[in-house]
Amino acid sequence: MRTALLLVGCILYVISPIDLIPDPIVIIGWLDDVAVIAGTVKAISAGKKPCDGGAQ
C-alpha cells in the first residue's frame, strides 16, 4: 500500500502544472521533478527486502 501511495504521489507531482520550480524554466524547472522521482525510487527500494538470489 505504501509503495502504491508513493508512486501515485510521485506521478501526480510530476504531471501537475503546480511545481516548486515551474517547468517552463528549462532544465532548472525539471530538477524538482527529477528530485521527486529519485526520492520516490530511493524510498521504495529502501523498503524492499533484499533478494535471496532466487534460491528456494
C-alpha atoms as a PDB file:
ATOM      1  CA  MET A   1       0.000   0.000   0.000  1.00  0.00           C
ATOM      2  CA  ARG A   2       2.847   2.394   0.880  1.00  0.00           C
ATOM      3  CA  THR A   3       4.533   1.764  -2.461  1.00  0.00           C
ATOM      4  CA  ALA A   4       1.337   2.475  -4.372  1.00  0.00           C
ATOM      5  CA  LEU A   5       0.796   5.729  -2.478  1.00  0.00           C
ATOM      6  CA  LEU A   6       4.371   6.823  -3.141  1.00  0.00           C
ATOM      7  CA  LEU A   7       4.036   6.067  -6.845  1.00  0.00           C
ATOM      8  CA  VAL A   8       0.692   7.854  -7.163  1.00  0.00           C
ATOM      9  CA  GLY A   9       2.015  10.890  -5.293  1.00  0.00           C
ATOM     10  CA  CYS A  10       5.128  10.998  -7.461  1.00  0.00           C
ATOM     11  CA  ILE A  11       3.166  10.719 -10.696  1.00  0.00           C
ATOM     12  CA  LEU A  12       0.685  13.387  -9.611  1.00  0.00           C
ATOM     13  CA  TYR A  13       3.509  15.775  -8.694  1.00  0.00           C
ATOM     14  CA  VAL A  14       5.362  15.231 -11.965  1.00  0.00           C
ATOM     15  CA  ILE A  15       2.296  15.759 -14.174  1.00  0.00           C
ATOM     16  CA  SER A  16       0.892  18.603 -12.069  1.00  0.00           C
ATOM     17  CA  PRO A  17       1.234  22.095 -13.518  1.00  0.00           C
ATOM     18  CA  ILE A  18       1.963  23.387  -9.992  1.00  0.00           C
ATOM     19  CA  ASP A  19       5.636  22.773  -9.172  1.00  0.00           C
ATOM     20  CA  LEU A  20       8.218  24.073  -6.753  1.00  0.00           C
ATOM     21  CA  ILE A  21      10.115  25.388  -9.789  1.00  0.00           C
ATOM     22  CA  PRO A  22       7.983  25.969 -12.927  1.00  0.00           C
ATOM     23  CA  ASP A  23       8.739  23.615 -15.834  1.00  0.00           C
ATOM     24  CA  PRO A  24       8.924  26.380 -18.485  1.00  0.00           C
ATOM     25  CA  ILE A  25      12.254  27.323 -16.898  1.00  0.00           C
ATOM     26  CA  VAL A  26      14.166  24.785 -18.967  1.00  0.00           C
ATOM     27  CA  ILE A  27      16.423  22.274 -17.167  1.00  0.00           C
ATOM     28  CA  ILE A  28      16.164  24.042 -13.794  1.00  0.00           C
ATOM     29  CA  GLY A  29      12.394  23.584 -13.868  1.00  0.00           C
ATOM     30  CA  TRP A  30      12.798  19.849 -14.357  1.00  0.00           C
ATOM     31  CA  LEU A  31      15.189  19.404 -11.435  1.00  0.00           C
ATOM     32  CA  ASP A  32      12.430  19.306  -8.827  1.00  0.00           C
ATOM     33  CA  ASP A  33      10.637  16.620 -10.849  1.00  0.00           C
ATOM     34  CA  VAL A  34      13.839  14.596 -11.088  1.00  0.00           C
ATOM     35  CA  ALA A  35      14.406  15.016  -7.336  1.00  0.00           C
ATOM     36  CA  VAL A  36      10.898  13.762  -6.563  1.00  0.00           C
ATOM     37  CA  ILE A  37      11.368  10.756  -8.859  1.00  0.00           C
ATOM     38  CA  ALA A  38      14.770   9.942  -7.335  1.00  0.00           C
ATOM     39  CA  GLY A  39      13.404  10.282  -3.809  1.00  0.00           C
ATOM     40  CA  THR A  40      10.486   8.010  -4.638  1.00  0.00           C
ATOM     41  CA  VAL A  41      12.746   5.356  -6.146  1.00  0.00           C
ATOM     42  CA  LYS A  42      15.053   5.536  -3.122  1.00  0.00           C
ATOM     43  CA  ALA A  43      12.151   5.300  -0.657  1.00  0.00           C
ATOM     44  CA  ILE A  44      10.635   2.333  -2.477  1.00  0.00           C
ATOM     45  CA  SER A  45      13.934   0.493  -2.820  1.00  0.00           C
ATOM     46  CA  ALA A  46      14.773   1.106   0.856  1.00  0.00           C
ATOM     47  CA  GLY A  47      11.511  -0.543   1.852  1.00  0.00           C
ATOM     48  CA  LYS A  48      12.121  -3.708  -0.170  1.00  0.00           C
ATOM     49  CA  LYS A  49      13.607  -6.824   1.341  1.00  0.00           C
ATOM     50  CA  PRO A  50      16.868  -7.967  -0.258  1.00  0.00           C
ATOM     51  CA  CYS A  51      16.545 -10.749  -2.831  1.00  0.00           C
ATOM     52  CA  ASP A  52      17.695 -14.199  -1.857  1.00  0.00           C
ATOM     53  CA  GLY A  53      19.270 -14.714  -5.266  1.00  0.00           C
ATOM     54  CA  GLY A  54      16.474 -16.936  -6.497  1.00  0.00           C
ATOM     55  CA  ALA A  55      17.350 -19.773  -4.097  1.00  0.00           C
ATOM     56  CA  GLN A  56      14.399 -21.821  -2.961  1.00  0.00           C
END
